[in-house]
Amino acid sequence: MTTASDKRATFRQLHQSGCFAMPNPWDVGTARYLQHVGFKAVASTSAGYAFAQGLPDGAVTRDRMLAHLGELCAAVAVPVNADFEHGYADDPGEVAENVRLCVATGVAGLSIEDSTGRRDQPLYDLDAAVARVRAARAAIDRAGGDVVFTARAECFLVGRPDLDETLRRLKAYAAAGADCLYAPGIRSREEIAAVVAAVAPKPVNVLVSSAGGWTVADLAALGVRRVSVGGALARVAWGAVMRAAKLLLESGRFEEFAGAAPSPEVNGLFRESR
């Protein structure tokens, strides 16, 4: 049996060299499938899980998310990285307690955002953001220190696409104890290279959530260590469902079913993974 400690050691090793793809399942079935086809680690997606519950991204409660993370970790033998949003609290002490609970689910890694969820002030000011990173770091250390901690600068996702501010934040988070750094929304070669250089030798995660433009090999050549896809796989699935349902409703036709996975293949997968 693969233990949480085993998964954490594997996950930490993956960050030491090279570049690996870490796709984002949104339920037990998709997590098991991604493990089955050979991915070495997976990450939760707050958006994908929220959509599966009939909720918008950001509307899942802390306790519901913790239960989901526990299910994912129990379902697969590969490491699971938690999209733990903004830590489900403003106060650093409360962030630390929530991180403790997240670690207890068995995750091999977790990320904390510096976005507030408020339109009037979309980002925590830098001092507050750093205090939250330090609190998360301390909570992980008290739990054994083997969980990979990723700090996220959300500038490009909240309408403040300022590279200088992003770099300033990421460097501060690295100094405050983050193991891995992440600025979702950066897209150009120059932006990615600047982030990698700013926090070197610490590893960088890059989000690829749309088709075209990049390959994992391209990003590896820029020094990126980890590539995630956020809610993209969930949106691919939703796109297929929407197209098939609209065609059935509006035209009474079934052509979109042509791309469906065969039942024997899906049943076989889950028989093997029980």
Protein backbone atom coordinates (compact mmCIF):
# COMPACT_ATOMS: atom_id res chain seq x y z
CA MET A 1 0.00 0.00 0.00
CA THR A 2 1.32 3.45 -0.93
CA THR A 3 1.31 5.70 2.14
CA ALA A 4 0.88 9.46 2.29
CA SER A 5 4.59 9.72 3.15
CA ASP A 6 5.48 7.68 0.06
CA LYS A 7 3.37 9.93 -2.15
CA ARG A 8 4.91 13.06 -0.65
CA ALA A 9 8.43 11.78 -1.20
CA THR A 10 7.58 10.93 -4.80
CA PHE A 11 6.01 14.35 -5.37
CA ARG A 12 8.99 16.20 -3.92
CA GLN A 13 11.33 14.16 -6.12
CA LEU A 14 9.34 15.09 -9.23
CA HIS A 15 10.19 18.74 -8.56
CA GLN A 16 13.95 18.17 -8.42
CA SER A 17 14.66 18.06 -12.15
CA GLY A 18 12.97 17.96 -15.53
CA CYS A 19 9.35 18.93 -16.15
CA PHE A 20 6.20 16.91 -15.51
CA ALA A 21 2.56 17.32 -16.51
CA MET A 22 0.09 17.28 -13.61
CA PRO A 23 -3.50 17.11 -14.94
CA ASN A 24 -6.50 18.06 -12.83
CA PRO A 25 -9.25 15.49 -12.20
CA TRP A 26 -12.51 16.62 -10.64
CA ASP A 27 -13.76 13.33 -9.17
CA VAL A 28 -12.61 9.83 -8.23
CA GLY A 29 -13.29 8.41 -11.69
CA THR A 30 -11.21 10.97 -13.55
CA ALA A 31 -8.43 10.70 -10.95
CA ARG A 32 -8.26 6.93 -11.40
CA TYR A 33 -8.28 7.26 -15.17
CA LEU A 34 -5.39 9.75 -15.16
CA GLN A 35 -3.41 7.44 -12.92
CA HIS A 36 -4.30 4.48 -15.17
CA VAL A 37 -2.89 6.12 -18.31
CA GLY A 38 0.39 6.91 -16.59
CA PHE A 39 0.47 10.40 -15.08
CA LYS A 40 2.86 10.53 -12.13
CA ALA A 41 0.82 13.06 -10.12
CA VAL A 42 -2.56 14.80 -10.28
CA ALA A 43 -4.01 17.99 -8.84
CA SER A 44 -7.49 18.88 -7.74
CA THR A 45 -9.36 21.66 -9.52
CA SER A 46 -11.61 23.97 -7.53
CA ALA A 47 -13.50 24.91 -10.69
CA GLY A 48 -13.94 21.36 -11.98
CA TYR A 49 -15.21 20.08 -8.64
CA ALA A 50 -17.52 23.08 -8.20
CA PHE A 51 -19.06 22.53 -11.65
CA ALA A 52 -19.68 18.86 -10.82
CA GLN A 53 -21.60 20.00 -7.74
CA GLY A 54 -23.67 22.50 -9.71
CA LEU A 55 -21.79 25.46 -8.24
CA PRO A 56 -19.60 28.25 -9.65
CA ASP A 57 -15.89 28.22 -8.95
CA GLY A 58 -15.19 29.50 -5.46
CA ALA A 59 -18.55 28.47 -3.98
CA VAL A 60 -17.48 25.14 -2.46
CA THR A 61 -17.13 25.32 1.32
CA ARG A 62 -13.94 24.41 3.13
CA ASP A 63 -15.35 21.26 4.70
CA ARG A 64 -16.81 20.04 1.43
CA MET A 65 -13.48 20.61 -0.28
CA LEU A 66 -11.59 18.79 2.46
CA ALA A 67 -13.89 15.79 2.04
CA HIS A 68 -13.30 15.87 -1.73
CA LEU A 69 -9.53 15.98 -1.26
CA GLY A 70 -9.70 13.04 1.11
CA GLU A 71 -11.63 11.03 -1.50
CA LEU A 72 -9.10 11.81 -4.22
CA CYS A 73 -6.14 10.87 -2.02
CA ALA A 74 -7.77 7.59 -1.00
CA ALA A 75 -8.66 6.73 -4.59
CA VAL A 76 -5.20 6.84 -6.19
CA ALA A 77 -1.64 5.76 -5.44
CA VAL A 78 -0.08 8.80 -7.11
CA PRO A 79 0.48 12.12 -5.34
CA VAL A 80 -2.41 14.58 -5.20
CA ASN A 81 -1.77 18.33 -5.12
CA ALA A 82 -4.60 20.37 -3.58
CA ASP A 83 -5.97 23.51 -5.17
CA PHE A 84 -6.74 24.99 -1.76
CA GLU A 85 -7.89 28.35 -3.13
CA HIS A 86 -7.07 31.20 -0.73
CA GLY A 87 -6.92 28.93 2.29
CA TYR A 88 -10.60 29.59 3.11
CA ALA A 89 -9.69 32.45 5.43
CA ASP A 90 -8.19 35.93 5.52
CA ASP A 91 -6.44 35.72 8.87
CA PRO A 92 -3.03 33.98 8.84
CA GLY A 93 -3.86 31.97 11.94
CA GLU A 94 -7.04 30.65 10.37
CA VAL A 95 -5.15 29.89 7.15
CA ALA A 96 -2.68 27.85 9.21
CA GLU A 97 -5.47 25.82 10.82
CA ASN A 98 -7.10 25.15 7.45
CA VAL A 99 -3.77 24.09 5.98
CA ARG A 100 -3.35 21.68 8.89
CA LEU A 101 -6.71 20.13 8.01
CA CYS A 102 -5.74 19.97 4.34
CA VAL A 103 -2.49 18.16 5.13
CA ALA A 104 -4.47 15.66 7.19
CA THR A 105 -6.43 14.57 4.09
CA GLY A 106 -3.27 12.94 2.73
CA VAL A 107 -2.35 15.44 0.02
CA ALA A 108 1.23 15.48 -1.23
CA GLY A 109 1.11 19.19 -2.03
CA LEU A 110 -1.14 22.21 -1.71
CA SER A 111 -1.35 25.71 -3.13
CA ILE A 112 -2.53 28.96 -1.54
CA GLU A 113 -3.62 31.98 -3.58
CA ASP A 114 -3.11 35.65 -2.76
CA SER A 115 -6.51 36.63 -4.17
CA THR A 116 -9.22 37.77 -1.78
CA GLY A 117 -12.34 37.06 -3.83
CA ARG A 118 -13.40 40.69 -3.39
CA ARG A 119 -13.88 43.02 -6.34
CA ASP A 120 -12.85 46.14 -4.45
CA GLN A 121 -9.54 44.61 -3.35
CA PRO A 122 -8.80 41.52 -5.47
CA LEU A 123 -5.36 40.85 -3.94
CA TYR A 124 -4.15 40.87 -0.35
CA ASP A 125 -1.58 43.59 0.13
CA LEU A 126 1.92 42.20 0.03
CA ASP A 127 2.58 42.22 3.77
CA ALA A 128 -0.66 40.37 4.46
CA ALA A 129 -0.01 37.93 1.63
CA VAL A 130 3.47 37.14 2.95
CA ALA A 131 2.10 36.63 6.46
CA ARG A 132 -0.38 34.10 5.06
CA VAL A 133 2.43 32.27 3.23
CA ARG A 134 4.49 32.13 6.41
CA ALA A 135 1.52 30.81 8.36
CA ALA A 136 0.90 28.08 5.80
CA ARG A 137 4.59 27.18 5.81
CA ALA A 138 4.63 26.92 9.59
CA ALA A 139 1.55 24.69 9.61
CA ILE A 140 3.13 22.35 7.06
CA ASP A 141 6.36 22.24 9.05
CA ARG A 142 4.48 21.38 12.25
CA ALA A 143 2.85 18.50 10.36
CA GLY A 144 6.20 17.09 9.28
CA GLY A 145 7.27 19.42 6.49
CA ASP A 146 7.04 16.90 3.66
CA VAL A 147 4.05 18.43 1.82
CA VAL A 148 5.13 20.54 -1.18
CA PHE A 149 3.83 24.07 -0.64
CA THR A 150 3.01 26.20 -3.69
CA ALA A 151 2.34 29.94 -3.36
CA ARG A 152 0.34 31.61 -6.11
CA ALA A 153 0.43 35.21 -7.35
CA GLU A 154 -2.98 35.79 -8.92
CA CYS A 155 -2.28 39.20 -10.47
CA PHE A 156 -2.95 38.12 -14.07
CA LEU A 157 -6.22 36.39 -13.14
CA VAL A 158 -7.76 39.30 -11.22
CA GLY A 159 -7.25 42.09 -13.74
CA ARG A 160 -3.81 43.26 -12.64
CA PRO A 161 -1.49 41.84 -15.33
CA ASP A 162 1.59 43.58 -14.00
CA LEU A 163 4.68 41.40 -14.44
CA ASP A 164 6.81 43.48 -12.07
CA GLU A 165 4.25 43.15 -9.29
CA THR A 166 3.93 39.43 -10.00
CA LEU A 167 7.69 38.94 -9.74
CA ARG A 168 7.87 40.99 -6.55
CA ARG A 169 5.17 38.86 -4.96
CA LEU A 170 6.63 35.53 -6.07
CA LYS A 171 10.10 36.43 -4.79
CA ALA A 172 8.61 37.43 -1.44
CA TYR A 173 6.67 34.15 -1.23
CA ALA A 174 9.79 32.16 -2.08
CA ALA A 175 11.67 33.94 0.71
CA ALA A 176 8.76 33.27 3.10
CA GLY A 177 9.04 29.51 2.58
CA ALA A 178 7.11 28.45 -0.51
CA ASP A 179 8.59 25.35 -2.17
CA CYS A 180 7.10 26.05 -5.60
CA LEU A 181 5.89 29.27 -7.24
CA TYR A 182 2.93 29.78 -9.56
CA ALA A 183 1.54 32.77 -11.46
CA PRO A 184 -1.54 31.53 -13.34
CA GLY A 185 -2.39 33.64 -16.36
CA ILE A 186 1.13 34.36 -17.60
CA ARG A 187 1.34 33.30 -21.24
CA SER A 188 4.24 34.73 -23.17
CA ARG A 189 7.70 33.22 -23.42
CA GLU A 190 9.15 36.38 -21.86
CA GLU A 191 6.78 36.30 -18.87
CA ILE A 192 7.42 32.64 -18.15
CA ALA A 193 11.19 32.99 -18.48
CA ALA A 194 11.13 36.01 -16.15
CA VAL A 195 9.23 34.10 -13.47
CA VAL A 196 11.56 31.10 -13.69
CA ALA A 197 14.63 33.36 -13.38
CA ALA A 198 13.17 35.41 -10.53
CA VAL A 199 12.64 32.50 -8.14
CA ALA A 200 15.43 30.14 -9.27
CA PRO A 201 16.37 27.56 -8.14
CA LYS A 202 12.88 26.97 -6.77
CA PRO A 203 10.51 25.18 -9.19
CA VAL A 204 7.77 26.97 -11.12
CA ASN A 205 4.32 25.70 -12.09
CA VAL A 206 2.75 26.99 -15.31
CA LEU A 207 -0.94 26.75 -16.12
CA VAL A 208 -1.97 25.76 -19.66
CA SER A 209 -5.74 25.96 -19.95
CA SER A 210 -6.38 26.43 -23.68
CA ALA A 211 -5.41 24.70 -26.91
CA GLY A 212 -2.36 25.60 -28.97
CA GLY A 213 0.74 27.57 -28.27
CA TRP A 214 2.70 25.36 -25.90
CA THR A 215 3.90 21.82 -25.40
CA VAL A 216 5.36 20.43 -22.20
CA ALA A 217 8.72 20.24 -24.01
CA ASP A 218 8.51 23.96 -24.85
CA LEU A 219 7.91 24.84 -21.21
CA ALA A 220 10.63 22.50 -20.01
CA ALA A 221 13.07 24.33 -22.29
CA LEU A 222 12.22 27.54 -20.41
CA GLY A 223 13.03 25.90 -17.08
CA VAL A 224 9.47 25.16 -15.97
CA ARG A 225 9.26 22.13 -13.66
CA ARG A 226 5.51 21.51 -13.45
CA VAL A 227 2.59 22.02 -15.84
CA SER A 228 -1.04 21.91 -14.70
CA VAL A 229 -4.26 22.44 -16.63
CA GLY A 230 -6.67 23.79 -14.02
CA GLY A 231 -10.30 23.24 -14.98
CA ALA A 232 -9.49 22.60 -18.66
CA LEU A 233 -10.21 18.86 -18.66
CA ALA A 234 -13.49 19.46 -16.83
CA ARG A 235 -14.42 22.09 -19.41
CA VAL A 236 -13.54 19.65 -22.23
CA ALA A 237 -16.02 17.20 -20.70
CA TRP A 238 -18.65 19.90 -20.23
CA GLY A 239 -18.14 21.00 -23.84
CA ALA A 240 -18.90 17.48 -25.07
CA VAL A 241 -22.01 17.22 -22.89
CA MET A 242 -23.27 20.64 -23.98
CA ARG A 243 -22.82 19.91 -27.68
CA ALA A 244 -24.51 16.51 -27.46
CA ALA A 245 -27.41 17.79 -25.35
CA LYS A 246 -28.08 20.82 -27.55
CA LEU A 247 -28.05 18.72 -30.70
CA LEU A 248 -30.47 16.23 -29.15
CA LEU A 249 -32.80 18.94 -27.88
CA GLU A 250 -32.78 21.16 -30.97
CA SER A 251 -32.52 18.58 -33.76
CA GLY A 252 -33.35 15.23 -32.20
CA ARG A 253 -30.00 13.94 -33.46
CA PHE A 254 -27.30 11.83 -31.86
CA GLU A 255 -24.14 12.44 -33.93
CA GLU A 256 -22.26 13.86 -30.95
CA PHE A 257 -22.41 10.43 -29.31
CA ALA A 258 -19.83 9.24 -31.85
CA GLY A 259 -16.96 10.33 -29.65
CA ALA A 260 -18.25 8.58 -26.53
CA ALA A 261 -15.95 6.14 -24.73
CA PRO A 262 -17.13 2.53 -25.18
CA SER A 263 -18.88 1.12 -22.08
CA PRO A 264 -16.67 -2.03 -21.98
CA GLU A 265 -13.55 0.14 -21.88
CA VAL A 266 -14.84 2.31 -19.05
CA ASN A 267 -16.22 -0.64 -17.08
CA GLY A 268 -12.93 -2.50 -17.57
CA LEU A 269 -10.94 0.44 -16.26
CA PHE A 270 -12.91 0.64 -13.06
CA ARG A 271 -12.99 -3.11 -12.51
CA GLU A 272 -9.18 -3.05 -12.61
CA SER A 273 -8.90 -0.11 -10.22
CA ARG A 274 -11.20 -1.44 -7.48
